[in-house]
Amino acid sequence: MSIDQHSFEVLGTRIDVVRKDIKNLHVGVYPPDGRVRVAAPRHLDDSAVRLAVVTRMGWIRRQRANFERQERQSQREYVTGES
């Protein structure tokens, strides 16, 4: 299975597109920075991928907002003599 990758911008959001030998389009938002990745079938053209992303933009924005609200683990401070 070969994979083609490229990216474009939709409504101010960078979208990484990975084209694979798959049946359906998948949209994912990944922590910690809310990176958006779309796995798309090879037979879909760019306009269909853009349309799918635009229709899911509300969900994408909600997911990115959730990542921003999540508390991050505080920086660990190591002290000598502790186990």
Protein backbone atom coordinates (compact mmCIF):
# COMPACT_ATOMS: atom_id res chain seq x y z
CA MET A 1 0.00 0.00 0.00
CA SER A 2 1.51 3.32 -1.04
CA ILE A 3 0.60 6.58 0.64
CA ASP A 4 0.45 10.10 -0.82
CA GLN A 5 0.60 13.09 1.53
CA HIS A 6 -0.06 16.79 1.09
CA SER A 7 -1.72 19.59 3.02
CA PHE A 8 -3.97 22.58 2.40
CA GLU A 9 -5.74 25.24 4.42
CA VAL A 10 -9.48 25.42 5.03
CA LEU A 11 -11.00 28.38 6.89
CA GLY A 12 -7.66 29.19 8.51
CA THR A 13 -6.95 25.62 9.62
CA ARG A 14 -4.11 23.54 8.17
CA ILE A 15 -5.31 20.12 7.05
CA ASP A 16 -2.87 17.25 6.44
CA VAL A 17 -4.26 14.88 3.82
CA VAL A 18 -3.09 11.30 3.48
CA ARG A 19 -4.38 9.36 0.48
CA LYS A 20 -4.55 5.61 0.93
CA ASP A 21 -6.19 2.52 -0.49
CA ILE A 22 -9.18 2.79 1.86
CA LYS A 23 -12.93 2.87 1.39
CA ASN A 24 -14.09 5.82 3.53
CA LEU A 25 -12.79 9.25 4.50
CA HIS A 26 -11.60 9.69 8.10
CA VAL A 27 -11.04 12.99 9.93
CA GLY A 28 -8.93 13.10 13.09
CA VAL A 29 -7.82 15.83 15.47
CA TYR A 30 -4.70 14.96 17.46
CA PRO A 31 -3.28 16.30 20.73
CA PRO A 32 -1.52 18.25 22.04
CA ASP A 33 -1.81 21.02 19.45
CA GLY A 34 -5.01 19.98 17.65
CA ARG A 35 -3.37 18.88 14.41
CA VAL A 36 -6.01 17.89 11.83
CA ARG A 37 -5.40 14.86 9.62
CA VAL A 38 -7.66 13.47 6.92
CA ALA A 39 -7.24 9.96 5.56
CA ALA A 40 -8.92 9.92 2.16
CA PRO A 41 -9.48 7.26 -0.48
CA ARG A 42 -7.45 7.69 -3.64
CA HIS A 43 -10.54 8.02 -5.83
CA LEU A 44 -11.77 11.21 -4.08
CA ASP A 45 -10.62 14.44 -5.70
CA ASP A 46 -9.39 17.45 -3.72
CA SER A 47 -12.70 19.32 -3.99
CA ALA A 48 -14.56 16.40 -2.38
CA VAL A 49 -12.01 16.25 0.44
CA ARG A 50 -12.32 20.02 1.01
CA LEU A 51 -16.11 19.75 1.07
CA ALA A 52 -15.95 16.93 3.64
CA VAL A 53 -13.62 19.01 5.83
CA VAL A 54 -15.81 22.12 5.58
CA THR A 55 -18.91 20.14 6.60
CA ARG A 56 -17.04 18.78 9.65
CA MET A 57 -15.45 22.12 10.60
CA GLY A 58 -17.77 22.62 13.60
CA TRP A 59 -16.70 19.26 15.05
CA ILE A 60 -13.02 20.01 14.32
CA ARG A 61 -13.22 23.36 16.14
CA ARG A 62 -14.92 21.76 19.16
CA GLN A 63 -12.21 19.09 19.37
CA ARG A 64 -9.44 21.70 19.14
CA ALA A 65 -11.14 23.77 21.86
CA ASN A 66 -11.29 20.67 24.08
CA PHE A 67 -7.53 20.18 23.68
CA GLU A 68 -6.89 23.81 24.63
CA ARG A 69 -9.02 23.47 27.79
CA GLN A 70 -7.32 20.29 28.97
CA GLU A 71 -4.86 20.66 31.79
CA ARG A 72 -1.33 19.76 30.90
CA GLN A 73 0.78 17.73 33.25
CA SER A 74 3.03 20.06 35.19
CA GLN A 75 6.75 20.00 34.63
CA ARG A 76 8.45 17.52 36.96
CA GLU A 77 11.11 18.82 39.28
CA TYR A 78 13.67 16.25 40.32
CA VAL A 79 15.33 16.70 43.70
CA THR A 80 18.48 14.83 44.69
CA GLY A 81 18.01 12.30 47.43
CA GLU A 82 14.40 11.47 46.51
CA SER A 83 13.48 8.04 45.29
